Amino acid sequence: WVGLEMNMLAFIPVLTKKMSPRSTEAAIKYFLTQATASMIL
C-alpha cells in the first residue's frame, strides 16, 4: 500500500511537466484512480 502511494506521488510531477490542459487532466485522473484504489485496499 505504501508503495502505491509513493509511486503516485513520484509520478504526478512527470505528468504535469508540460503544464498543458491535457497533462493536468491526466494527472488529476491518475490521482483520483490511485486514491480510490488506496481507499479500497
C-alpha atoms as a PDB file:
ATOM      1  CA  TRP A   1       0.000   0.000   0.000  1.00  0.00           C
ATOM      2  CA  VAL A   2       2.792   2.423   0.866  1.00  0.00           C
ATOM      3  CA  GLY A   3       4.463   1.537  -2.425  1.00  0.00           C
ATOM      4  CA  LEU A   4       1.332   2.561  -4.327  1.00  0.00           C
ATOM      5  CA  GLU A   5       1.266   5.918  -2.574  1.00  0.00           C
ATOM      6  CA  MET A   6       4.955   6.561  -3.195  1.00  0.00           C
ATOM      7  CA  ASN A   7       4.527   5.648  -6.854  1.00  0.00           C
ATOM      8  CA  MET A   8       1.597   8.039  -7.192  1.00  0.00           C
ATOM      9  CA  LEU A   9       3.405  10.961  -5.573  1.00  0.00           C
ATOM     10  CA  ALA A  10       6.507  10.371  -7.679  1.00  0.00           C
ATOM     11  CA  PHE A  11       4.609  10.058 -10.967  1.00  0.00           C
ATOM     12  CA  ILE A  12       2.332  13.122 -10.764  1.00  0.00           C
ATOM     13  CA  PRO A  13       5.132  15.678 -11.419  1.00  0.00           C
ATOM     14  CA  VAL A  14       6.099  13.710 -14.523  1.00  0.00           C
ATOM     15  CA  LEU A  15       2.552  14.010 -15.845  1.00  0.00           C
ATOM     16  CA  THR A  16       2.299  17.746 -15.155  1.00  0.00           C
ATOM     17  CA  LYS A  17       5.720  18.674 -16.524  1.00  0.00           C
ATOM     18  CA  LYS A  18       4.377  20.168 -19.775  1.00  0.00           C
ATOM     19  CA  MET A  19       1.594  22.094 -17.988  1.00  0.00           C
ATOM     20  CA  SER A  20      -0.845  21.621 -20.839  1.00  0.00           C
ATOM     21  CA  PRO A  21      -4.542  21.162 -20.072  1.00  0.00           C
ATOM     22  CA  ARG A  22      -4.402  17.525 -21.183  1.00  0.00           C
ATOM     23  CA  SER A  23      -1.460  16.707 -18.927  1.00  0.00           C
ATOM     24  CA  THR A  24      -3.175  18.350 -15.974  1.00  0.00           C
ATOM     25  CA  GLU A  25      -6.326  16.352 -16.702  1.00  0.00           C
ATOM     26  CA  ALA A  26      -4.296  13.153 -16.913  1.00  0.00           C
ATOM     27  CA  ALA A  27      -2.625  13.896 -13.579  1.00  0.00           C
ATOM     28  CA  ILE A  28      -5.976  14.520 -11.890  1.00  0.00           C
ATOM     29  CA  LYS A  29      -7.459  11.311 -13.314  1.00  0.00           C
ATOM     30  CA  TYR A  30      -4.390   9.325 -12.255  1.00  0.00           C
ATOM     31  CA  PHE A  31      -4.521  10.822  -8.762  1.00  0.00           C
ATOM     32  CA  LEU A  32      -8.228  10.050  -8.346  1.00  0.00           C
ATOM     33  CA  THR A  33      -7.771   6.491  -9.610  1.00  0.00           C
ATOM     34  CA  GLN A  34      -4.888   5.843  -7.230  1.00  0.00           C
ATOM     35  CA  ALA A  35      -6.703   7.465  -4.300  1.00  0.00           C
ATOM     36  CA  THR A  36      -9.772   5.309  -4.931  1.00  0.00           C
ATOM     37  CA  ALA A  37      -7.640   2.175  -5.147  1.00  0.00           C
ATOM     38  CA  SER A  38      -5.897   3.107  -1.900  1.00  0.00           C
ATOM     39  CA  MET A  39      -9.226   3.568  -0.126  1.00  0.00           C
ATOM     40  CA  ILE A  40     -10.384   0.151  -1.332  1.00  0.00           C
ATOM     41  CA  LEU A  41      -7.216  -1.501  -0.066  1.00  0.00           C
END
